[in-house]
Protein backbone atom coordinates (compact mmCIF):
# COMPACT_ATOMS: atom_id res chain seq x y z
CA MET A 1 3.11 -17.46 -52.70
CA SER A 2 5.89 -20.18 -52.65
CA VAL A 3 6.62 -22.70 -50.01
CA GLU A 4 9.87 -20.74 -49.05
CA ASP A 5 8.26 -17.55 -48.64
CA PHE A 6 5.46 -19.21 -46.42
CA LEU A 7 7.92 -20.81 -44.56
CA TYR A 8 10.34 -17.63 -44.13
CA ARG A 9 7.19 -15.75 -42.49
CA ILE A 10 6.15 -18.17 -40.42
CA GLY A 11 9.94 -18.26 -38.71
CA GLU A 12 9.77 -14.14 -38.82
CA SER A 13 6.54 -14.37 -36.43
CA VAL A 14 8.00 -17.20 -34.39
CA ASP A 15 10.88 -14.91 -33.83
CA SER A 16 8.84 -11.92 -33.49
CA ALA A 17 7.24 -13.68 -30.74
CA ILE A 18 9.66 -14.65 -28.96
CA HIS A 19 11.36 -11.67 -28.30
CA GLY A 20 7.93 -9.94 -27.58
CA ILE A 21 7.62 -12.53 -24.90
CA ILE A 22 11.23 -12.15 -23.62
CA ASN A 23 11.13 -8.53 -23.46
CA PHE A 24 7.60 -8.40 -21.71
CA ILE A 25 9.30 -11.02 -19.10
CA ASN A 26 12.56 -8.95 -18.86
CA PRO A 27 11.84 -5.39 -19.91
CA THR A 28 14.30 -2.56 -20.17
CA PRO A 29 13.50 1.38 -19.93
CA SER A 30 12.37 2.68 -23.36
CA GLU A 31 13.81 6.02 -24.63
CA GLU A 32 10.81 6.43 -27.04
CA PRO A 33 7.42 7.29 -24.97
CA PRO A 34 4.58 4.79 -25.37
CA SER A 35 1.68 5.10 -27.74
CA PHE A 36 -1.92 4.61 -26.25
CA ARG A 37 -3.64 4.32 -29.61
CA TYR A 38 -6.69 2.61 -28.07
CA LEU A 39 -6.75 4.08 -24.61
CA SER A 40 -7.06 7.41 -26.40
CA ARG A 41 -10.14 6.31 -27.87
CA LEU A 42 -11.56 5.78 -24.80
CA VAL A 43 -10.71 9.04 -23.30
CA LYS A 44 -12.15 12.07 -24.70
CA LYS A 45 -10.09 14.61 -22.80
CA ARG A 46 -6.67 15.36 -23.81
CA LEU A 47 -4.02 13.61 -21.35
CA THR A 48 -0.61 13.63 -20.72
CA THR A 49 1.84 10.35 -20.97
CA HIS A 50 2.30 10.27 -17.33
CA GLU A 51 -1.60 10.27 -16.95
CA TYR A 52 -2.52 7.47 -19.67
CA LEU A 53 0.15 5.58 -17.94
CA SER A 54 -1.21 6.25 -14.35
CA LEU A 55 -4.79 5.28 -16.12
CA LYS A 56 -2.99 2.05 -17.42
CA LEU A 57 -2.19 0.95 -14.25
CA GLN A 58 -5.55 1.62 -12.77
CA ILE A 59 -7.22 -0.22 -15.26
CA ALA A 60 -5.03 -3.25 -14.84
CA PHE A 61 -5.28 -3.19 -11.24
CA LEU A 62 -9.12 -2.99 -11.63
CA LEU A 63 -9.49 -5.92 -14.04
CA TYR A 64 -7.31 -7.78 -11.40
CA LEU A 65 -9.74 -7.63 -8.83
CA ILE A 66 -12.99 -7.91 -11.13
CA MET A 67 -11.12 -11.05 -12.24
CA ASN A 68 -10.00 -12.71 -8.67
CA LEU A 69 -13.80 -11.69 -7.44
CA ILE A 70 -15.29 -13.91 -10.28
CA LEU A 71 -12.89 -16.61 -9.54
CA LEU A 72 -13.63 -16.55 -5.76
CA PHE A 73 -17.41 -16.20 -6.83
CA LEU A 74 -16.93 -19.48 -9.17
CA ARG A 75 -15.09 -21.05 -6.10
CA ALA A 76 -12.03 -21.89 -8.57
CA SER A 77 -9.09 -23.28 -7.16
CA PRO A 78 -6.28 -21.38 -5.93
CA LEU A 79 -3.68 -22.28 -8.62
CA TRP A 80 -5.93 -20.05 -10.77
CA LEU A 81 -5.56 -17.17 -8.46
CA VAL A 82 -1.73 -17.35 -8.66
CA GLY A 83 -2.03 -17.65 -12.58
CA VAL A 84 -4.06 -14.55 -12.64
CA ALA A 85 -1.39 -13.02 -9.88
CA ALA A 86 1.48 -14.15 -12.32
CA VAL A 87 0.28 -12.65 -15.35
CA TYR A 88 -0.96 -9.29 -13.56
CA PHE A 89 2.41 -8.73 -11.85
CA LEU A 90 4.11 -9.17 -14.99
CA TYR A 91 2.18 -6.91 -16.68
CA LEU A 92 2.57 -4.17 -14.14
CA ARG A 93 6.46 -4.66 -13.90
CA TYR A 94 6.68 -4.38 -17.62
CA THR A 95 4.42 -1.12 -17.55
CA LEU A 96 6.32 0.13 -14.57
CA VAL A 97 10.01 -0.62 -15.92
CA ARG A 98 9.36 0.08 -19.56
CA ASN A 99 7.96 3.45 -19.28
CA ARG A 100 10.05 4.61 -15.95
CA GLU A 101 11.57 7.63 -17.58
CA PHE A 102 7.84 9.05 -18.46
CA PHE A 103 6.19 9.21 -14.88
CA VAL A 104 6.65 12.44 -13.49
CA GLU A 105 8.19 10.66 -10.49
CA HIS A 106 8.28 6.76 -11.03
CA GLU A 107 9.14 5.47 -7.38
CA PRO A 108 5.73 6.16 -5.65
CA TYR A 109 4.18 4.61 -8.35
CA ARG A 110 5.96 1.43 -8.26
CA PHE A 111 5.93 1.28 -4.44
CA PHE A 112 2.14 1.78 -4.71
CA TYR A 113 1.03 -0.36 -7.14
CA TYR A 114 3.58 -3.41 -5.99
CA ALA A 115 2.41 -3.17 -2.55
CA ILE A 116 -1.33 -2.82 -2.72
CA SER A 117 -1.35 -5.77 -5.61
CA LEU A 118 0.71 -7.90 -2.96
CA ILE A 119 -2.07 -7.13 -0.48
CA SER A 120 -4.81 -7.69 -2.71
CA PHE A 121 -3.40 -11.12 -3.29
CA ALA A 122 -2.88 -11.75 0.20
CA VAL A 123 -6.39 -10.84 0.73
CA PHE A 124 -7.90 -12.89 -1.90
CA MET A 125 -5.62 -16.33 -0.70
CA GLY A 126 -6.65 -15.29 2.63
CA TYR A 127 -10.32 -15.51 2.25
CA ILE A 128 -9.83 -18.60 0.49
CA MET A 129 -8.19 -20.38 3.45
CA VAL A 130 -11.08 -18.78 5.76
CA ARG A 131 -14.03 -20.11 3.68
CA ARG A 132 -12.18 -23.53 4.23
CA ILE A 133 -11.32 -23.62 7.81
CA ALA A 134 -14.03 -21.14 9.21
CA THR A 135 -16.74 -22.74 11.90
CA SER A 136 -18.32 -19.65 12.72
CA ILE A 137 -18.96 -16.03 11.66
CA TYR A 138 -16.31 -15.03 13.77
CA TYR A 139 -13.62 -16.19 11.58
CA TYR A 140 -15.02 -13.76 8.69
CA TYR A 141 -14.86 -10.87 11.26
CA ALA A 142 -11.36 -11.32 12.03
CA TYR A 143 -10.02 -11.78 8.77
CA LEU A 144 -11.87 -8.47 7.92
CA LEU A 145 -10.37 -7.07 10.61
CA VAL A 146 -7.06 -8.11 9.57
CA ALA A 147 -7.44 -6.98 5.88
CA PHE A 148 -8.43 -3.61 7.31
CA VAL A 149 -5.56 -3.20 9.37
CA ALA A 150 -3.15 -4.11 6.50
CA VAL A 151 -4.61 -1.52 3.92
CA MET A 152 -4.51 1.14 6.92
CA ALA A 153 -0.80 0.29 7.51
CA PHE A 154 0.16 0.70 4.30
CA ARG A 155 -1.74 4.05 3.87
CA TRP A 156 0.29 5.12 6.72
CA TYR A 157 3.52 3.64 5.79
CA PHE A 158 3.00 5.31 2.20
CA LYS A 159 2.23 8.64 3.47
CA GLN A 160 5.73 8.35 5.82
CA ARG A 161 7.60 7.56 3.06
CA TYR A 162 6.54 9.34 0.23
CA GLY A 163 3.78 11.69 1.09
CA ARG A 164 4.21 15.59 1.07
CA ASP A 165 2.60 18.73 1.43
CA TYR A 166 3.52 20.15 -2.01
CA THR A 167 3.22 19.59 -5.60
CA TYR A 168 4.23 21.44 -9.17
CA GLY A 169 2.15 22.65 -11.69
CA VAL A 170 2.78 25.25 -14.82
CA VAL A 171 0.85 28.52 -15.15
CA GLU A 172 -1.52 28.72 -18.04
CA GLU A 173 -3.36 31.84 -17.58
CA ILE A 174 -3.13 34.82 -15.61
CA LYS A 175 -6.13 36.88 -14.47
CA GLY A 176 -5.23 39.56 -12.17
CA GLU A 177 -4.84 38.51 -8.81
CA VAL A 178 -5.41 35.09 -9.26
CA VAL A 179 -3.92 31.98 -11.86
CA LYS A 180 -4.64 29.08 -13.27
CA VAL A 181 -2.24 26.31 -12.85
CA PHE A 182 -2.31 22.80 -14.66
CA VAL A 183 -1.02 20.07 -12.24
CA HIS A 184 -0.28 16.70 -13.08
CA GLU A 185 -1.55 13.56 -11.26
CA ASP A 186 0.42 13.44 -8.13
CA ILE A 187 -0.08 10.09 -5.97
CA ALA A 188 2.74 11.29 -3.47
CA ALA A 189 0.41 14.89 -2.84
CA ASN A 190 -2.78 12.75 -3.23
CA VAL A 191 -3.44 15.41 -5.99
CA LYS A 192 -5.89 14.80 -8.93
CA PRO A 193 -5.02 16.13 -12.21
CA GLY A 194 -6.42 19.07 -13.52
CA HIS A 195 -6.75 22.94 -13.59
CA TYR A 196 -6.82 24.98 -10.36
CA TRP A 197 -7.22 28.85 -9.58
CA VAL A 198 -4.73 29.92 -7.10
CA ASP A 199 -3.76 33.56 -5.65
CA ALA A 200 -1.00 34.94 -8.00
CA VAL A 201 2.47 35.47 -6.37
CA GLU A 202 5.09 38.11 -8.02
CA ASP A 203 7.58 36.96 -11.19
CA LEU A 204 4.80 34.89 -12.67
CA GLU A 205 4.36 34.07 -16.51
CA VAL A 206 2.77 31.78 -18.39
CA GLY A 207 4.67 28.56 -18.97
CA ARG A 208 6.54 28.86 -15.80
CA VAL A 209 6.83 26.08 -13.62
CA VAL A 210 5.27 26.92 -9.70
CA LYS A 211 5.51 24.73 -6.31
CA LEU A 212 2.21 24.66 -4.73
CA ILE A 213 0.93 23.97 -0.70
CA VAL A 214 -1.70 21.39 -1.14
CA GLU A 215 -4.45 21.07 1.42
CA ASP A 216 -6.02 17.64 2.43
CA ARG A 217 -9.57 17.30 2.14
CA LYS A 218 -11.39 14.46 3.57
CA LEU A 219 -12.49 11.80 0.89
CA LYS A 220 -11.64 14.11 -1.67
CA GLY A 221 -7.87 14.01 -1.72
CA ALA A 222 -5.70 17.17 -2.04
CA VAL A 223 -6.20 20.70 -3.48
CA PRO A 224 -3.34 22.93 -4.39
CA VAL A 225 -4.02 26.17 -2.49
CA LYS A 226 -0.98 28.38 -2.65
CA ILE A 227 2.21 29.22 -4.63
CA ILE A 228 5.21 28.86 -2.64
CA GLU A 229 7.84 29.24 -5.07
CA VAL A 230 8.29 30.29 -8.88
CA TYR A 231 10.93 28.53 -11.24
CA LEU A 232 12.36 31.23 -13.34
CA SER A 233 13.18 28.47 -16.40
CA ASP A 234 9.63 28.67 -18.74
CA VAL A 235 8.58 25.55 -19.83
CA GLU A 236 10.11 26.28 -23.25
CA ASN A 237 8.72 25.00 -26.75
CA GLN A 238 6.43 22.73 -24.81
CA SER A 239 2.77 22.23 -24.02
CA SER A 240 2.00 23.31 -20.36
CA HIS A 241 0.78 19.44 -20.34
CA SER A 242 4.42 18.88 -20.20
CA SER A 243 7.13 17.90 -18.03
CA THR A 244 6.73 20.27 -14.68
CA GLU A 245 10.43 19.19 -13.21
CA PRO A 246 11.74 22.38 -11.55
CA LYS A 247 15.04 24.21 -12.25
CA GLU A 248 16.35 27.47 -11.15
CA GLU A 249 14.06 28.81 -8.13
CA THR A 250 13.31 32.02 -6.44
CA GLU A 251 10.83 32.19 -3.39
């Protein structure tokens, strides 16, 4: 390899790295679905793009919490927590903005992860402050109470703003009086992804999108229990694990 070729490759690498950093700091929505080359190797079952993105956000948030707990245990400077938070929030923003077209419903996820991450950052920084000024155990009791109230207030506000008692699914199988419906993870309805059996109604066909009432169950999330609408547009030429955006409907 000549010196000119070597320098040219270095220049290309630097230019590519600069563009990558700029795109990471200032992302734009992508029209191409993301690839999950490494994540798909860790998850054995088949997931949709929406569910892979949700899993990425969950893993990122969990790693953020673990990193902060390690820093607190090591009694690291608050600047370390700020630095970790800066990198995490940049990644969070990049993932949400870059892939906004591939979430079944983008806005609830954006609000949820920004809000819960900010609360977590405030809780960690608050603990450092309490550890410095506390003169009795009651400071820690007050700190835990404030943290608990903040989390419960967020939970209440999120349910008031985005919560709903219904979700959407795709009919996958019809067996007499019951049908198997695939439902995406739905953070607004608090429904986990999976297959659910519900009573059949009229106008059902495999591939059709349906609207389902969900029933909230303590500590287990919500569960679809009844079909209330059937959308007459089938999910054509797609896997049943694809978009569940409704079109023409019938009750």
